[in-house]
């Protein structure tokens, strides 16, 4: 797959945080459904820690590609690779970066699209952050606002950004 089609999907808080101790910041069922819609049928590219944090193993109906430095790593239901470049070479469908922090950082300059869920909250315990999004480089092309409800405890927006 060509790098010019590379996108990422991420949920961030108002401080740019994406995680805490290898997990998500909070549980937003609407964001999980949004994630599923955007990734079904695609190649999901992630780091080993992200892959191992998946509660039910490999994501179904998606090619799971795991970037790891461990040469002996053989994850069930996923293709292990050593780099973003290798991930793009083995992808049999359009790739999307799904985390974690190091993988977002390594792929950031290759991204053309970011599917962003902006959580309208701050999580001071967060220890993992998304790279800074420069508005001079990224243009907002879609915005869908949502308010907290009985299932989703925070206001949130689905935003699509494209590289200018």
C-alpha atoms as a PDB file:
ATOM      1  CA  UNK A   1       0.000   0.000   0.000  1.00  0.00           C
ATOM      2  CA  UNK A   2       1.320   3.444  -0.862  1.00  0.00           C
ATOM      3  CA  UNK A   3       2.167   5.756   2.062  1.00  0.00           C
ATOM      4  CA  UNK A   4       0.161   8.606   0.480  1.00  0.00           C
ATOM      5  CA  UNK A   5      -3.053   6.817   1.553  1.00  0.00           C
ATOM      6  CA  UNK A   6      -2.080   6.474   5.216  1.00  0.00           C
ATOM      7  CA  UNK A   7      -4.529   7.621   7.881  1.00  0.00           C
ATOM      8  CA  UNK A   8      -4.730   7.420  11.653  1.00  0.00           C
ATOM      9  CA  UNK A   9      -7.637   7.132  14.038  1.00  0.00           C
ATOM     10  CA  UNK A  10      -7.276   8.402  17.586  1.00  0.00           C
ATOM     11  CA  UNK A  11      -9.266   9.699  20.565  1.00  0.00           C
ATOM     12  CA  UNK A  12      -7.614  12.574  22.444  1.00  0.00           C
ATOM     13  CA  UNK A  13      -8.533  14.758  25.388  1.00  0.00           C
ATOM     14  CA  UNK A  14      -8.276  18.550  25.519  1.00  0.00           C
ATOM     15  CA  UNK A  15      -4.557  18.256  26.410  1.00  0.00           C
ATOM     16  CA  UNK A  16      -3.723  15.916  23.513  1.00  0.00           C
ATOM     17  CA  UNK A  17      -3.589  12.855  25.774  1.00  0.00           C
ATOM     18  CA  UNK A  18      -4.475   9.457  24.335  1.00  0.00           C
ATOM     19  CA  UNK A  19      -3.793   6.967  27.101  1.00  0.00           C
ATOM     20  CA  UNK A  20      -2.811   5.927  30.580  1.00  0.00           C
ATOM     21  CA  UNK A  21      -0.733   2.865  31.450  1.00  0.00           C
ATOM     22  CA  UNK A  22      -1.305   1.230  28.080  1.00  0.00           C
ATOM     23  CA  UNK A  23      -5.074   1.726  28.129  1.00  0.00           C
ATOM     24  CA  UNK A  24      -7.659   4.188  26.894  1.00  0.00           C
ATOM     25  CA  UNK A  25      -8.466   7.352  28.829  1.00  0.00           C
ATOM     26  CA  UNK A  26     -12.141   6.518  29.230  1.00  0.00           C
ATOM     27  CA  UNK A  27     -14.941   4.356  27.883  1.00  0.00           C
ATOM     28  CA  UNK A  28     -16.974   6.037  25.126  1.00  0.00           C
ATOM     29  CA  UNK A  29     -19.194   3.455  23.371  1.00  0.00           C
ATOM     30  CA  UNK A  30     -19.960   5.910  20.544  1.00  0.00           C
ATOM     31  CA  UNK A  31     -16.238   6.294  19.852  1.00  0.00           C
ATOM     32  CA  UNK A  32     -15.753   2.506  19.794  1.00  0.00           C
ATOM     33  CA  UNK A  33     -18.591   2.193  17.248  1.00  0.00           C
ATOM     34  CA  UNK A  34     -17.063   5.035  15.195  1.00  0.00           C
ATOM     35  CA  UNK A  35     -13.677   3.283  15.316  1.00  0.00           C
ATOM     36  CA  UNK A  36     -15.247   0.037  14.109  1.00  0.00           C
ATOM     37  CA  UNK A  37     -17.042   1.765  11.198  1.00  0.00           C
ATOM     38  CA  UNK A  38     -13.825   3.439  10.046  1.00  0.00           C
ATOM     39  CA  UNK A  39     -11.567   0.383  10.354  1.00  0.00           C
ATOM     40  CA  UNK A  40     -13.660  -2.575   9.150  1.00  0.00           C
ATOM     41  CA  UNK A  41     -12.122  -4.148   6.064  1.00  0.00           C
ATOM     42  CA  UNK A  42      -8.876  -2.209   6.467  1.00  0.00           C
ATOM     43  CA  UNK A  43      -5.384  -3.066   7.686  1.00  0.00           C
ATOM     44  CA  UNK A  44      -5.035  -1.828  11.271  1.00  0.00           C
ATOM     45  CA  UNK A  45      -1.436  -1.004  12.154  1.00  0.00           C
ATOM     46  CA  UNK A  46      -0.473  -0.866  15.814  1.00  0.00           C
ATOM     47  CA  UNK A  47       2.329  -1.349  18.284  1.00  0.00           C
ATOM     48  CA  UNK A  48       2.726  -4.472  20.380  1.00  0.00           C
ATOM     49  CA  UNK A  49       1.403  -2.874  23.580  1.00  0.00           C
ATOM     50  CA  UNK A  50      -1.739  -1.714  21.785  1.00  0.00           C
ATOM     51  CA  UNK A  51      -2.249  -5.169  20.278  1.00  0.00           C
ATOM     52  CA  UNK A  52      -1.811  -6.839  23.670  1.00  0.00           C
ATOM     53  CA  UNK A  53      -4.317  -4.415  25.227  1.00  0.00           C
ATOM     54  CA  UNK A  54      -7.112  -5.525  22.886  1.00  0.00           C
ATOM     55  CA  UNK A  55      -9.590  -7.271  25.191  1.00  0.00           C
ATOM     56  CA  UNK A  56     -10.663  -9.945  22.699  1.00  0.00           C
ATOM     57  CA  UNK A  57      -7.478 -10.395  20.686  1.00  0.00           C
ATOM     58  CA  UNK A  58      -7.107  -9.465  17.013  1.00  0.00           C
ATOM     59  CA  UNK A  59      -9.748  -7.129  15.624  1.00  0.00           C
ATOM     60  CA  UNK A  60     -12.099  -9.177  13.418  1.00  0.00           C
ATOM     61  CA  UNK A  61     -12.681  -8.382   9.740  1.00  0.00           C
ATOM     62  CA  UNK A  62      -9.436  -6.408   9.615  1.00  0.00           C
ATOM     63  CA  UNK A  63      -5.849  -7.307   8.815  1.00  0.00           C
ATOM     64  CA  UNK A  64      -4.010  -6.831  12.118  1.00  0.00           C
ATOM     65  CA  UNK A  65      -0.391  -5.683  11.695  1.00  0.00           C
ATOM     66  CA  UNK A  66       1.786  -5.349  14.804  1.00  0.00           C
ATOM     67  CA  UNK A  67       4.989  -3.311  14.835  1.00  0.00           C
ATOM     68  CA  UNK A  68       7.508  -4.685  17.323  1.00  0.00           C
ATOM     69  CA  UNK A  69      11.238  -4.741  17.973  1.00  0.00           C
ATOM     70  CA  UNK A  70      10.971  -8.323  19.239  1.00  0.00           C
ATOM     71  CA  UNK A  71      12.104 -10.625  16.430  1.00  0.00           C
ATOM     72  CA  UNK A  72      10.608 -13.711  18.074  1.00  0.00           C
ATOM     73  CA  UNK A  73       7.149 -12.136  18.533  1.00  0.00           C
ATOM     74  CA  UNK A  74       4.458 -14.283  16.872  1.00  0.00           C
ATOM     75  CA  UNK A  75       1.044 -12.840  17.765  1.00  0.00           C
ATOM     76  CA  UNK A  76      -1.919 -15.057  17.005  1.00  0.00           C
ATOM     77  CA  UNK A  77      -4.114 -13.514  14.308  1.00  0.00           C
ATOM     78  CA  UNK A  78      -1.696 -10.731  13.392  1.00  0.00           C
ATOM     79  CA  UNK A  79       1.287 -10.078  11.142  1.00  0.00           C
ATOM     80  CA  UNK A  80       4.398  -8.947  13.048  1.00  0.00           C
ATOM     81  CA  UNK A  81       6.661  -6.395  11.339  1.00  0.00           C
ATOM     82  CA  UNK A  82       9.648  -4.300  12.410  1.00  0.00           C
ATOM     83  CA  UNK A  83       8.667  -0.882  11.026  1.00  0.00           C
ATOM     84  CA  UNK A  84       5.987   1.377   9.572  1.00  0.00           C
ATOM     85  CA  UNK A  85       7.545   0.812   6.140  1.00  0.00           C
ATOM     86  CA  UNK A  86       7.205  -2.959   6.473  1.00  0.00           C
ATOM     87  CA  UNK A  87       3.629  -2.558   7.696  1.00  0.00           C
ATOM     88  CA  UNK A  88       2.756  -0.596   4.565  1.00  0.00           C
ATOM     89  CA  UNK A  89       4.404  -3.254   2.378  1.00  0.00           C
ATOM     90  CA  UNK A  90       2.461  -6.169   3.891  1.00  0.00           C
ATOM     91  CA  UNK A  91      -0.898  -4.356   4.106  1.00  0.00           C
ATOM     92  CA  UNK A  92      -3.433  -6.070   1.859  1.00  0.00           C
ATOM     93  CA  UNK A  93      -6.054  -3.346   2.425  1.00  0.00           C
ATOM     94  CA  UNK A  94      -5.910   0.395   3.054  1.00  0.00           C
ATOM     95  CA  UNK A  95      -3.859   0.858   6.245  1.00  0.00           C
ATOM     96  CA  UNK A  96      -4.902   2.890   9.260  1.00  0.00           C
ATOM     97  CA  UNK A  97      -2.667   3.597  12.250  1.00  0.00           C
ATOM     98  CA  UNK A  98      -4.487   2.855  15.522  1.00  0.00           C
ATOM     99  CA  UNK A  99      -1.766   3.418  18.131  1.00  0.00           C
ATOM    100  CA  UNK A 100      -0.054   3.629  20.464  1.00  0.00           C
ATOM    101  CA  UNK A 101       1.890   6.772  21.117  1.00  0.00           C
ATOM    102  CA  UNK A 102       5.212   5.652  19.620  1.00  0.00           C
ATOM    103  CA  UNK A 103       3.540   4.356  16.450  1.00  0.00           C
ATOM    104  CA  UNK A 104       1.599   7.618  15.999  1.00  0.00           C
ATOM    105  CA  UNK A 105       4.878   9.515  16.431  1.00  0.00           C
ATOM    106  CA  UNK A 106       6.757   7.313  13.941  1.00  0.00           C
ATOM    107  CA  UNK A 107       4.034   7.554  11.285  1.00  0.00           C
ATOM    108  CA  UNK A 108       2.962  11.172  11.797  1.00  0.00           C
ATOM    109  CA  UNK A 109       4.865  12.684   8.854  1.00  0.00           C
ATOM    110  CA  UNK A 110       3.412  10.021   6.508  1.00  0.00           C
ATOM    111  CA  UNK A 111      -0.215  10.633   7.465  1.00  0.00           C
ATOM    112  CA  UNK A 112      -2.580  12.320   5.029  1.00  0.00           C
ATOM    113  CA  UNK A 113      -5.751  11.967   7.135  1.00  0.00           C
ATOM    114  CA  UNK A 114      -6.477  11.926  10.864  1.00  0.00           C
ATOM    115  CA  UNK A 115      -9.830  10.676  12.155  1.00  0.00           C
ATOM    116  CA  UNK A 116      -9.913  12.372  15.525  1.00  0.00           C
ATOM    117  CA  UNK A 117     -12.316  11.982  18.408  1.00  0.00           C
ATOM    118  CA  UNK A 118     -11.895  15.051  20.618  1.00  0.00           C
ATOM    119  CA  UNK A 119     -13.043  14.227  24.158  1.00  0.00           C
ATOM    120  CA  UNK A 120     -14.137  17.382  25.969  1.00  0.00           C
ATOM    121  CA  UNK A 121     -12.368  16.508  29.205  1.00  0.00           C
ATOM    122  CA  UNK A 122      -8.891  16.497  30.714  1.00  0.00           C
ATOM    123  CA  UNK A 123      -7.296  13.393  32.192  1.00  0.00           C
ATOM    124  CA  UNK A 124      -4.411  14.525  34.423  1.00  0.00           C
ATOM    125  CA  UNK A 125      -3.222  10.935  34.972  1.00  0.00           C
ATOM    126  CA  UNK A 126      -2.565  10.479  31.234  1.00  0.00           C
ATOM    127  CA  UNK A 127       0.953   9.423  30.288  1.00  0.00           C
ATOM    128  CA  UNK A 128       0.707   9.039  26.495  1.00  0.00           C
ATOM    129  CA  UNK A 129       0.098  11.875  24.034  1.00  0.00           C
ATOM    130  CA  UNK A 130      -0.622  12.350  20.333  1.00  0.00           C
ATOM    131  CA  UNK A 131       1.843  14.476  18.326  1.00  0.00           C
ATOM    132  CA  UNK A 132       0.938  18.162  18.174  1.00  0.00           C
ATOM    133  CA  UNK A 133      -1.493  18.964  15.367  1.00  0.00           C
ATOM    134  CA  UNK A 134      -0.385  22.146  13.617  1.00  0.00           C
ATOM    135  CA  UNK A 135      -3.426  23.958  12.110  1.00  0.00           C
ATOM    136  CA  UNK A 136      -1.115  25.329   9.403  1.00  0.00           C
ATOM    137  CA  UNK A 137      -0.488  21.756   8.244  1.00  0.00           C
ATOM    138  CA  UNK A 138      -3.860  20.141   8.980  1.00  0.00           C
ATOM    139  CA  UNK A 139      -7.250  21.297   7.685  1.00  0.00           C
ATOM    140  CA  UNK A 140     -10.526  20.303   9.326  1.00  0.00           C
ATOM    141  CA  UNK A 141     -12.757  18.831   6.619  1.00  0.00           C
ATOM    142  CA  UNK A 142     -15.504  17.275   8.765  1.00  0.00           C
ATOM    143  CA  UNK A 143     -16.904  18.008  12.220  1.00  0.00           C
ATOM    144  CA  UNK A 144     -19.665  16.124  14.008  1.00  0.00           C
ATOM    145  CA  UNK A 145     -20.482  17.325  17.565  1.00  0.00           C
ATOM    146  CA  UNK A 146     -21.985  15.082  20.243  1.00  0.00           C
ATOM    147  CA  UNK A 147     -23.092  15.688  23.805  1.00  0.00           C
ATOM    148  CA  UNK A 148     -22.699  13.372  26.758  1.00  0.00           C
ATOM    149  CA  UNK A 149     -25.553  10.964  27.348  1.00  0.00           C
ATOM    150  CA  UNK A 150     -26.399   7.944  29.484  1.00  0.00           C
ATOM    151  CA  UNK A 151     -23.768   5.807  27.776  1.00  0.00           C
ATOM    152  CA  UNK A 152     -21.093   8.372  26.898  1.00  0.00           C
ATOM    153  CA  UNK A 153     -19.979  10.372  29.959  1.00  0.00           C
ATOM    154  CA  UNK A 154     -18.295  13.265  28.101  1.00  0.00           C
ATOM    155  CA  UNK A 155     -19.090  15.615  25.229  1.00  0.00           C
ATOM    156  CA  UNK A 156     -17.045  14.640  22.174  1.00  0.00           C
ATOM    157  CA  UNK A 157     -16.528  15.551  18.515  1.00  0.00           C
ATOM    158  CA  UNK A 158     -15.691  13.384  15.521  1.00  0.00           C
ATOM    159  CA  UNK A 159     -13.269  15.416  13.400  1.00  0.00           C
ATOM    160  CA  UNK A 160     -11.595  14.550  10.112  1.00  0.00           C
ATOM    161  CA  UNK A 161      -8.358  16.367   9.351  1.00  0.00           C
ATOM    162  CA  UNK A 162      -6.509  16.317   6.029  1.00  0.00           C
ATOM    163  CA  UNK A 163      -2.947  17.370   5.409  1.00  0.00           C
ATOM    164  CA  UNK A 164      -2.892  20.664   3.465  1.00  0.00           C
END
